Amino acid sequence: MYIGRVSGTVVATIKDPSLAARKMLLVDRLTPEGKPDGSYWIAIDTVQAGVGDVVLVLDEGNGARQVLNWENAPIRAVIVGIVDQVTSDQA
């Protein structure tokens, strides 16, 4: 699981049927200091996040499929929360 910032949306007119009517968002992974680390994921949105939101991403395929209750869906990452605040001794 990691914290990221939504940087865009992904539109695919042809995709696996299990992804029909699901919003896909481009999420930049953040360091503990809140800076992009250069990596990103395409994640299924379950919390109505939007561009600019800081989000909590579950990036383990089996766990993501369990959250969505889709046993065989081709999904690796799912947005499971919108982050209000992060505090850390290191940030």
PDB file of N, CA and C in Angstrom:
ATOM      1  N   MET A   1       0.854  -1.165   0.000  1.00  0.00           N
ATOM      2  CA  MET A   1       0.000   0.000   0.000  1.00  0.00           C
ATOM      3  C   MET A   1       0.898   1.226   0.000  1.00  0.00           C
ATOM      4  N   TYR A   2       0.463   2.265  -0.668  1.00  0.00           N
ATOM      5  CA  TYR A   2       1.247   3.495  -0.702  1.00  0.00           C
ATOM      6  C   TYR A   2       0.338   4.714  -0.831  1.00  0.00           C
ATOM      7  N   ILE A   3       0.947   5.882  -0.638  1.00  0.00           N
ATOM      8  CA  ILE A   3       0.241   7.146  -0.804  1.00  0.00           C
ATOM      9  C   ILE A   3       0.645   7.736  -2.148  1.00  0.00           C
ATOM     10  N   GLY A   4      -0.329   8.249  -2.888  1.00  0.00           N
ATOM     11  CA  GLY A   4      -0.047   8.835  -4.187  1.00  0.00           C
ATOM     12  C   GLY A   4      -0.934  10.040  -4.442  1.00  0.00           C
ATOM     13  N   ARG A   5      -0.648  10.713  -5.543  1.00  0.00           N
ATOM     14  CA  ARG A   5      -1.471  11.866  -5.954  1.00  0.00           C
ATOM     15  C   ARG A   5      -2.031  11.575  -7.338  1.00  0.00           C
ATOM     16  N   VAL A   6      -3.321  11.750  -7.488  1.00  0.00           N
ATOM     17  CA  VAL A   6      -3.972  11.517  -8.779  1.00  0.00           C
ATOM     18  C   VAL A   6      -3.513  12.612  -9.742  1.00  0.00           C
ATOM     19  N   SER A   7      -2.936  12.179 -10.880  1.00  0.00           N
ATOM     20  CA  SER A   7      -2.424  13.146 -11.844  1.00  0.00           C
ATOM     21  C   SER A   7      -3.205  13.151 -13.155  1.00  0.00           C
ATOM     22  N   GLY A   8      -4.129  12.216 -13.315  1.00  0.00           N
ATOM     23  CA  GLY A   8      -4.912  12.200 -14.544  1.00  0.00           C
ATOM     24  C   GLY A   8      -5.886  11.043 -14.596  1.00  0.00           C
ATOM     25  N   THR A   9      -6.623  11.000 -15.670  1.00  0.00           N
ATOM     26  CA  THR A   9      -7.573   9.918 -15.892  1.00  0.00           C
ATOM     27  C   THR A   9      -7.107   9.086 -17.084  1.00  0.00           C
ATOM     28  N   VAL A  10      -7.580   7.861 -17.135  1.00  0.00           N
ATOM     29  CA  VAL A  10      -7.251   6.961 -18.236  1.00  0.00           C
ATOM     30  C   VAL A  10      -8.555   6.539 -18.894  1.00  0.00           C
ATOM     31  N   VAL A  11      -8.632   6.706 -20.208  1.00  0.00           N
ATOM     32  CA  VAL A  11      -9.821   6.322 -20.962  1.00  0.00           C
ATOM     33  C   VAL A  11      -9.426   5.230 -21.938  1.00  0.00           C
ATOM     34  N   ALA A  12     -10.135   4.118 -21.891  1.00  0.00           N
ATOM     35  CA  ALA A  12      -9.897   3.012 -22.817  1.00  0.00           C
ATOM     36  C   ALA A  12     -11.250   2.562 -23.361  1.00  0.00           C
ATOM     37  N   THR A  13     -11.464   2.733 -24.642  1.00  0.00           N
ATOM     38  CA  THR A  13     -12.755   2.350 -25.218  1.00  0.00           C
ATOM     39  C   THR A  13     -12.868   0.837 -25.379  1.00  0.00           C
ATOM     40  N   ILE A  14     -11.738   0.175 -25.530  1.00  0.00           N
ATOM     41  CA  ILE A  14     -11.739  -1.285 -25.622  1.00  0.00           C
ATOM     42  C   ILE A  14     -10.944  -1.814 -24.437  1.00  0.00           C
ATOM     43  N   LYS A  15     -11.598  -2.595 -23.575  1.00  0.00           N
ATOM     44  CA  LYS A  15     -10.951  -3.105 -22.370  1.00  0.00           C
ATOM     45  C   LYS A  15     -11.654  -4.372 -21.908  1.00  0.00           C
ATOM     46  N   ASP A  16     -11.079  -5.037 -20.936  1.00  0.00           N
ATOM     47  CA  ASP A  16     -11.687  -6.228 -20.362  1.00  0.00           C
ATOM     48  C   ASP A  16     -13.080  -5.873 -19.838  1.00  0.00           C
ATOM     49  N   PRO A  17     -14.060  -6.744 -20.045  1.00  0.00           N
ATOM     50  CA  PRO A  17     -15.428  -6.449 -19.592  1.00  0.00           C
ATOM     51  C   PRO A  17     -15.540  -6.146 -18.093  1.00  0.00           C
ATOM     52  N   SER A  18     -14.645  -6.693 -17.283  1.00  0.00           N
ATOM     53  CA  SER A  18     -14.729  -6.435 -15.841  1.00  0.00           C
ATOM     54  C   SER A  18     -14.396  -4.987 -15.496  1.00  0.00           C
ATOM     55  N   LEU A  19     -13.789  -4.261 -16.432  1.00  0.00           N
ATOM     56  CA  LEU A  19     -13.452  -2.860 -16.195  1.00  0.00           C
ATOM     57  C   LEU A  19     -14.509  -1.893 -16.718  1.00  0.00           C
ATOM     58  N   ALA A  20     -15.556  -2.420 -17.326  1.00  0.00           N
ATOM     59  CA  ALA A  20     -16.622  -1.573 -17.860  1.00  0.00           C
ATOM     60  C   ALA A  20     -17.239  -0.757 -16.728  1.00  0.00           C
ATOM     61  N   ALA A  21     -17.472   0.509 -16.994  1.00  0.00           N
ATOM     62  CA  ALA A  21     -18.104   1.433 -16.050  1.00  0.00           C
ATOM     63  C   ALA A  21     -17.263   1.670 -14.798  1.00  0.00           C
ATOM     64  N   ARG A  22     -15.966   1.409 -14.867  1.00  0.00           N
ATOM     65  CA  ARG A  22     -15.058   1.695 -13.751  1.00  0.00           C
ATOM     66  C   ARG A  22     -14.140   2.842 -14.134  1.00  0.00           C
ATOM     67  N   LYS A  23     -13.965   3.781 -13.211  1.00  0.00           N
ATOM     68  CA  LYS A  23     -13.071   4.916 -13.466  1.00  0.00           C
ATOM     69  C   LYS A  23     -11.640   4.485 -13.178  1.00  0.00           C
ATOM     70  N   MET A  24     -10.751   4.738 -14.158  1.00  0.00           N
ATOM     71  CA  MET A  24      -9.335   4.433 -14.004  1.00  0.00           C
ATOM     72  C   MET A  24      -8.577   5.753 -13.890  1.00  0.00           C
ATOM     73  N   LEU A  25      -7.707   5.838 -12.879  1.00  0.00           N
ATOM     74  CA  LEU A  25      -6.956   7.067 -12.630  1.00  0.00           C
ATOM     75  C   LEU A  25      -5.461   6.797 -12.659  1.00  0.00           C
ATOM     76  N   LEU A  26      -4.710   7.766 -13.129  1.00  0.00           N
ATOM     77  CA  LEU A  26      -3.260   7.717 -13.122  1.00  0.00           C
ATOM     78  C   LEU A  26      -2.796   8.299 -11.798  1.00  0.00           C
ATOM     79  N   VAL A  27      -2.024   7.514 -11.036  1.00  0.00           N
ATOM     80  CA  VAL A  27      -1.610   7.922  -9.694  1.00  0.00           C
ATOM     81  C   VAL A  27      -0.088   7.935  -9.602  1.00  0.00           C
ATOM     82  N   ASP A  28       0.476   9.094  -9.248  1.00  0.00           N
ATOM     83  CA  ASP A  28       1.911   9.218  -9.015  1.00  0.00           C
ATOM     84  C   ASP A  28       2.214   8.824  -7.574  1.00  0.00           C
ATOM     85  N   ARG A  29       3.129   7.895  -7.405  1.00  0.00           N
ATOM     86  CA  ARG A  29       3.524   7.471  -6.064  1.00  0.00           C
ATOM     87  C   ARG A  29       4.305   8.599  -5.391  1.00  0.00           C
ATOM     88  N   LEU A  30       4.065   8.805  -4.078  1.00  0.00           N
ATOM     89  CA  LEU A  30       4.721   9.884  -3.332  1.00  0.00           C
ATOM     90  C   LEU A  30       5.713   9.335  -2.311  1.00  0.00           C
ATOM     91  N   THR A  31       6.777  10.112  -2.075  1.00  0.00           N
ATOM     92  CA  THR A  31       7.730   9.793  -1.011  1.00  0.00           C
ATOM     93  C   THR A  31       7.110  10.181   0.333  1.00  0.00           C
ATOM     94  N   PRO A  32       7.725   9.792   1.450  1.00  0.00           N
ATOM     95  CA  PRO A  32       7.203  10.226   2.758  1.00  0.00           C
ATOM     96  C   PRO A  32       7.148  11.751   2.905  1.00  0.00           C
ATOM     97  N   GLU A  33       7.965  12.459   2.125  1.00  0.00           N
ATOM     98  CA  GLU A  33       7.956  13.922   2.174  1.00  0.00           C
ATOM     99  C   GLU A  33       6.866  14.528   1.297  1.00  0.00           C
ATOM    100  N   GLY A  34       6.148  13.683   0.555  1.00  0.00           N
ATOM    101  CA  GLY A  34       5.054  14.168  -0.287  1.00  0.00           C
ATOM    102  C   GLY A  34       5.462  14.542  -1.698  1.00  0.00           C
ATOM    103  N   LYS A  35       6.663  14.146  -2.112  1.00  0.00           N
ATOM    104  CA  LYS A  35       7.149  14.445  -3.462  1.00  0.00           C
ATOM    105  C   LYS A  35       6.980  13.219  -4.352  1.00  0.00           C
ATOM    106  N   PRO A  36       6.667  13.402  -5.629  1.00  0.00           N
ATOM    107  CA  PRO A  36       6.573  12.253  -6.549  1.00  0.00           C
ATOM    108  C   PRO A  36       7.923  11.535  -6.628  1.00  0.00           C
ATOM    109  N   ASP A  37       7.892  10.202  -6.617  1.00  0.00           N
ATOM    110  CA  ASP A  37       9.146   9.436  -6.685  1.00  0.00           C
ATOM    111  C   ASP A  37       9.476   8.974  -8.108  1.00  0.00           C
ATOM    112  N   GLY A  38       8.663   9.376  -9.087  1.00  0.00           N
ATOM    113  CA  GLY A  38       8.935   9.029 -10.469  1.00  0.00           C
ATOM    114  C   GLY A  38       8.199   7.804 -10.975  1.00  0.00           C
ATOM    115  N   SER A  39       7.524   7.089 -10.089  1.00  0.00           N
ATOM    116  CA  SER A  39       6.759   5.924 -10.531  1.00  0.00           C
ATOM    117  C   SER A  39       5.263   6.232 -10.476  1.00  0.00           C
ATOM    118  N   TYR A  40       4.508   5.448 -11.190  1.00  0.00           N
ATOM    119  CA  TYR A  40       3.062   5.658 -11.221  1.00  0.00           C
ATOM    120  C   TYR A  40       2.345   4.329 -11.447  1.00  0.00           C
ATOM    121  N   TRP A  41       1.047   4.325 -11.171  1.00  0.00           N
ATOM    122  CA  TRP A  41       0.166   3.182 -11.413  1.00  0.00           C
ATOM    123  C   TRP A  41      -1.118   3.688 -12.037  1.00  0.00           C
ATOM    124  N   ILE A  42      -1.767   2.822 -12.752  1.00  0.00           N
ATOM    125  CA  ILE A  42      -3.148   3.063 -13.147  1.00  0.00           C
ATOM    126  C   ILE A  42      -3.985   2.280 -12.147  1.00  0.00           C
ATOM    127  N   ALA A  43      -4.859   2.968 -11.442  1.00  0.00           N
ATOM    128  CA  ALA A  43      -5.632   2.345 -10.370  1.00  0.00           C
ATOM    129  C   ALA A  43      -7.121   2.538 -10.604  1.00  0.00           C
ATOM    130  N   ILE A  44      -7.887   1.543 -10.182  1.00  0.00           N
ATOM    131  CA  ILE A  44      -9.342   1.623 -10.220  1.00  0.00           C
ATOM    132  C   ILE A  44      -9.806   2.461  -9.031  1.00  0.00           C
ATOM    133  N   ASP A  45     -10.668   3.427  -9.285  1.00  0.00           N
ATOM    134  CA  ASP A  45     -11.161   4.323  -8.232  1.00  0.00           C
ATOM    135  C   ASP A  45     -12.395   3.734  -7.566  1.00  0.00           C
ATOM    136  N   THR A  46     -12.363   3.637  -6.230  1.00  0.00           N
ATOM    137  CA  THR A  46     -13.539   3.174  -5.484  1.00  0.00           C
ATOM    138  C   THR A  46     -14.079   4.242  -4.541  1.00  0.00           C
ATOM    139  N   VAL A  47     -13.436   5.420  -4.522  1.00  0.00           N
ATOM    140  CA  VAL A  47     -13.798   6.441  -3.529  1.00  0.00           C
ATOM    141  C   VAL A  47     -14.130   7.798  -4.140  1.00  0.00           C
ATOM    142  N   GLN A  48     -14.325   7.846  -5.439  1.00  0.00           N
ATOM    143  CA  GLN A  48     -14.654   9.076  -6.159  1.00  0.00           C
ATOM    144  C   GLN A  48     -13.556  10.132  -6.022  1.00  0.00           C
ATOM    145  N   ALA A  49     -12.312   9.696  -6.173  1.00  0.00           N
ATOM    146  CA  ALA A  49     -11.176  10.612  -6.148  1.00  0.00           C
ATOM    147  C   ALA A  49     -11.116  11.382  -7.460  1.00  0.00           C
ATOM    148  N   GLY A  50     -10.390  12.481  -7.438  1.00  0.00           N
ATOM    149  CA  GLY A  50     -10.227  13.285  -8.637  1.00  0.00           C
ATOM    150  C   GLY A  50      -8.800  13.766  -8.779  1.00  0.00           C
ATOM    151  N   VAL A  51      -8.510  14.390  -9.897  1.00  0.00           N
ATOM    152  CA  VAL A  51      -7.170  14.893 -10.166  1.00  0.00           C
ATOM    153  C   VAL A  51      -6.754  15.856  -9.058  1.00  0.00           C
ATOM    154  N   GLY A  52      -5.559  15.657  -8.528  1.00  0.00           N
ATOM    155  CA  GLY A  52      -5.028  16.485  -7.448  1.00  0.00           C
ATOM    156  C   GLY A  52      -5.208  15.888  -6.064  1.00  0.00           C
ATOM    157  N   ASP A  53      -6.121  14.933  -5.915  1.00  0.00           N
ATOM    158  CA  ASP A  53      -6.344  14.309  -4.605  1.00  0.00           C
ATOM    159  C   ASP A  53      -5.158  13.441  -4.207  1.00  0.00           C
ATOM    160  N   VAL A  54      -4.821  13.469  -2.917  1.00  0.00           N
ATOM    161  CA  VAL A  54      -3.847  12.544  -2.349  1.00  0.00           C
ATOM    162  C   VAL A  54      -4.646  11.324  -1.903  1.00  0.00           C
ATOM    163  N   VAL A  55      -4.202  10.143  -2.349  1.00  0.00           N
ATOM    164  CA  VAL A  55      -4.996   8.936  -2.146  1.00  0.00           C
ATOM    165  C   VAL A  55      -4.155   7.796  -1.570  1.00  0.00           C
ATOM    166  N   LEU A  56      -4.850   6.835  -0.987  1.00  0.00           N
ATOM    167  CA  LEU A  56      -4.244   5.606  -0.475  1.00  0.00           C
ATOM    168  C   LEU A  56      -4.513   4.517  -1.501  1.00  0.00           C
ATOM    169  N   VAL A  57      -3.447   3.881  -1.982  1.00  0.00           N
ATOM    170  CA  VAL A  57      -3.566   2.890  -3.052  1.00  0.00           C
ATOM    171  C   VAL A  57      -3.131   1.524  -2.548  1.00  0.00           C
ATOM    172  N   LEU A  58      -3.989   0.552  -2.737  1.00  0.00           N
ATOM    173  CA  LEU A  58      -3.653  -0.846  -2.482  1.00  0.00           C
ATOM    174  C   LEU A  58      -3.126  -1.394  -3.798  1.00  0.00           C
ATOM    175  N   ASP A  59      -1.842  -1.763  -3.823  1.00  0.00           N
ATOM    176  CA  ASP A  59      -1.211  -2.149  -5.088  1.00  0.00           C
ATOM    177  C   ASP A  59      -0.788  -3.613  -5.114  1.00  0.00           C
ATOM    178  N   GLU A  60      -1.558  -4.448  -4.496  1.00  0.00           N
ATOM    179  CA  GLU A  60      -1.314  -5.885  -4.508  1.00  0.00           C
ATOM    180  C   GLU A  60      -2.521  -6.523  -5.173  1.00  0.00           C
ATOM    181  N   GLY A  61      -2.322  -7.151  -6.299  1.00  0.00           N
ATOM    182  CA  GLY A  61      -3.413  -7.629  -7.148  1.00  0.00           C
ATOM    183  C   GLY A  61      -4.485  -8.429  -6.447  1.00  0.00           C
ATOM    184  N   ASN A  62      -4.099  -9.428  -5.640  1.00  0.00           N
ATOM    185  CA  ASN A  62      -5.107 -10.256  -4.985  1.00  0.00           C
ATOM    186  C   ASN A  62      -5.946  -9.431  -4.016  1.00  0.00           C
ATOM    187  N   GLY A  63      -5.295  -8.569  -3.238  1.00  0.00           N
ATOM    188  CA  GLY A  63      -6.028  -7.700  -2.315  1.00  0.00           C
ATOM    189  C   GLY A  63      -6.952  -6.743  -3.051  1.00  0.00           C
ATOM    190  N   ALA A  64      -6.476  -6.201  -4.179  1.00  0.00           N
ATOM    191  CA  ALA A  64      -7.309  -5.287  -4.978  1.00  0.00           C
ATOM    192  C   ALA A  64      -8.543  -6.010  -5.488  1.00  0.00           C
ATOM    193  N   ARG A  65      -8.373  -7.229  -5.959  1.00  0.00           N
ATOM    194  CA  ARG A  65      -9.531  -8.002  -6.447  1.00  0.00           C
ATOM    195  C   ARG A  65     -10.488  -8.332  -5.306  1.00  0.00           C
ATOM    196  N   GLN A  66      -9.966  -8.565  -4.096  1.00  0.00           N
ATOM    197  CA  GLN A  66     -10.832  -8.830  -2.949  1.00  0.00           C
ATOM    198  C   GLN A  66     -11.644  -7.592  -2.582  1.00  0.00           C
ATOM    199  N   VAL A  67     -11.013  -6.412  -2.625  1.00  0.00           N
ATOM    200  CA  VAL A  67     -11.728  -5.169  -2.325  1.00  0.00           C
ATOM    201  C   VAL A  67     -12.897  -4.997  -3.281  1.00  0.00           C
ATOM    202  N   LEU A  68     -12.679  -5.321  -4.562  1.00  0.00           N
ATOM    203  CA  LEU A  68     -13.710  -5.156  -5.586  1.00  0.00           C
ATOM    204  C   LEU A  68     -14.616  -6.364  -5.728  1.00  0.00           C
ATOM    205  N   ASN A  69     -14.281  -7.438  -5.034  1.00  0.00           N
ATOM    206  CA  ASN A  69     -15.048  -8.693  -5.099  1.00  0.00           C
ATOM    207  C   ASN A  69     -15.097  -9.246  -6.530  1.00  0.00           C
ATOM    208  N   TRP A  70     -13.945  -9.177  -7.228  1.00  0.00           N
ATOM    209  CA  TRP A  70     -13.802  -9.708  -8.579  1.00  0.00           C
ATOM    210  C   TRP A  70     -12.669 -10.715  -8.572  1.00  0.00           C
ATOM    211  N   GLU A  71     -12.985 -11.961  -8.476  1.00  0.00           N
ATOM    212  CA  GLU A  71     -11.969 -13.004  -8.308  1.00  0.00           C
ATOM    213  C   GLU A  71     -10.965 -13.069  -9.455  1.00  0.00           C
ATOM    214  N   ASN A  72     -11.404 -12.882 -10.688  1.00  0.00           N
ATOM    215  CA  ASN A  72     -10.513 -13.065 -11.831  1.00  0.00           C
ATOM    216  C   ASN A  72     -10.283 -11.797 -12.648  1.00  0.00           C
ATOM    217  N   ALA A  73     -10.603 -10.647 -12.104  1.00  0.00           N
ATOM    218  CA  ALA A  73     -10.446  -9.395 -12.856  1.00  0.00           C
ATOM    219  C   ALA A  73      -8.957  -9.058 -13.026  1.00  0.00           C
ATOM    220  N   PRO A  74      -8.578  -8.481 -14.163  1.00  0.00           N
ATOM    221  CA  PRO A  74      -7.181  -8.115 -14.415  1.00  0.00           C
ATOM    222  C   PRO A  74      -6.829  -6.779 -13.750  1.00  0.00           C
ATOM    223  N   ILE A  75      -6.802  -6.784 -12.438  1.00  0.00           N
ATOM    224  CA  ILE A  75      -6.589  -5.549 -11.677  1.00  0.00           C
ATOM    225  C   ILE A  75      -5.416  -5.740 -10.733  1.00  0.00           C
ATOM    226  N   ARG A  76      -4.565  -4.731 -10.664  1.00  0.00           N
ATOM    227  CA  ARG A  76      -3.419  -4.771  -9.750  1.00  0.00           C
ATOM    228  C   ARG A  76      -3.542  -3.717  -8.649  1.00  0.00           C
ATOM    229  N   ALA A  77      -4.093  -2.540  -8.968  1.00  0.00           N
ATOM    230  CA  ALA A  77      -4.124  -1.438  -7.999  1.00  0.00           C
ATOM    231  C   ALA A  77      -5.515  -0.847  -7.899  1.00  0.00           C
ATOM    232  N   VAL A  78      -5.892  -0.489  -6.666  1.00  0.00           N
ATOM    233  CA  VAL A  78      -7.201   0.101  -6.428  1.00  0.00           C
ATOM    234  C   VAL A  78      -7.046   1.231  -5.402  1.00  0.00           C
ATOM    235  N   ILE A  79      -7.727   2.342  -5.645  1.00  0.00           N
ATOM    236  CA  ILE A  79      -7.714   3.465  -4.703  1.00  0.00           C
ATOM    237  C   ILE A  79      -8.747   3.159  -3.629  1.00  0.00           C
ATOM    238  N   VAL A  80      -8.280   3.106  -2.367  1.00  0.00           N
ATOM    239  CA  VAL A  80      -9.166   2.720  -1.277  1.00  0.00           C
ATOM    240  C   VAL A  80      -9.438   3.846  -0.278  1.00  0.00           C
ATOM    241  N   GLY A  81      -8.822   5.012  -0.478  1.00  0.00           N
ATOM    242  CA  GLY A  81      -9.082   6.116   0.435  1.00  0.00           C
ATOM    243  C   GLY A  81      -8.539   7.430  -0.092  1.00  0.00           C
ATOM    244  N   ILE A  82      -9.127   8.519   0.378  1.00  0.00           N
ATOM    245  CA  ILE A  82      -8.629   9.858   0.102  1.00  0.00           C
ATOM    246  C   ILE A  82      -7.979  10.344   1.395  1.00  0.00           C
ATOM    247  N   VAL A  83      -6.719  10.758   1.299  1.00  0.00           N
ATOM    248  CA  VAL A  83      -5.923  11.119   2.475  1.00  0.00           C
ATOM    249  C   VAL A  83      -6.180  12.580   2.829  1.00  0.00           C
ATOM    250  N   ASP A  84      -6.494  12.807   4.100  1.00  0.00           N
ATOM    251  CA  ASP A  84      -6.697  14.166   4.601  1.00  0.00           C
ATOM    252  C   ASP A  84      -5.388  14.756   5.128  1.00  0.00           C
ATOM    253  N   GLN A  85      -4.596  13.917   5.786  1.00  0.00           N
ATOM    254  CA  GLN A  85      -3.378  14.424   6.415  1.00  0.00           C
ATOM    255  C   GLN A  85      -2.413  13.268   6.641  1.00  0.00           C
ATOM    256  N   VAL A  86      -1.118  13.567   6.525  1.00  0.00           N
ATOM    257  CA  VAL A  86      -0.069  12.606   6.837  1.00  0.00           C
ATOM    258  C   VAL A  86       0.875  13.265   7.820  1.00  0.00           C
ATOM    259  N   THR A  87       1.172  12.599   8.932  1.00  0.00           N
ATOM    260  CA  THR A  87       2.154  13.095   9.872  1.00  0.00           C
ATOM    261  C   THR A  87       3.208  12.024  10.079  1.00  0.00           C
ATOM    262  N   SER A  88       4.451  12.458  10.204  1.00  0.00           N
ATOM    263  CA  SER A  88       5.554  11.522  10.376  1.00  0.00           C
ATOM    264  C   SER A  88       6.717  12.241  11.018  1.00  0.00           C
ATOM    265  N   ASP A  89       7.536  11.532  11.771  1.00  0.00           N
ATOM    266  CA  ASP A  89       8.742  12.106  12.339  1.00  0.00           C
ATOM    267  C   ASP A  89       9.769  12.370  11.249  1.00  0.00           C
ATOM    268  N   GLN A  90       9.612  11.679  10.086  1.00  0.00           N
ATOM    269  CA  GLN A  90      10.589  11.798   9.013  1.00  0.00           C
ATOM    270  C   GLN A  90      10.153  12.783   7.936  1.00  0.00           C
ATOM    271  N   ALA A  91       8.900  13.182   7.910  1.00  0.00           N
ATOM    272  CA  ALA A  91       8.421  14.082   6.845  1.00  0.00           C
ATOM    273  C   ALA A  91       8.586  15.529   7.226  1.00  0.00           C
TER     274      ALA A  91
END
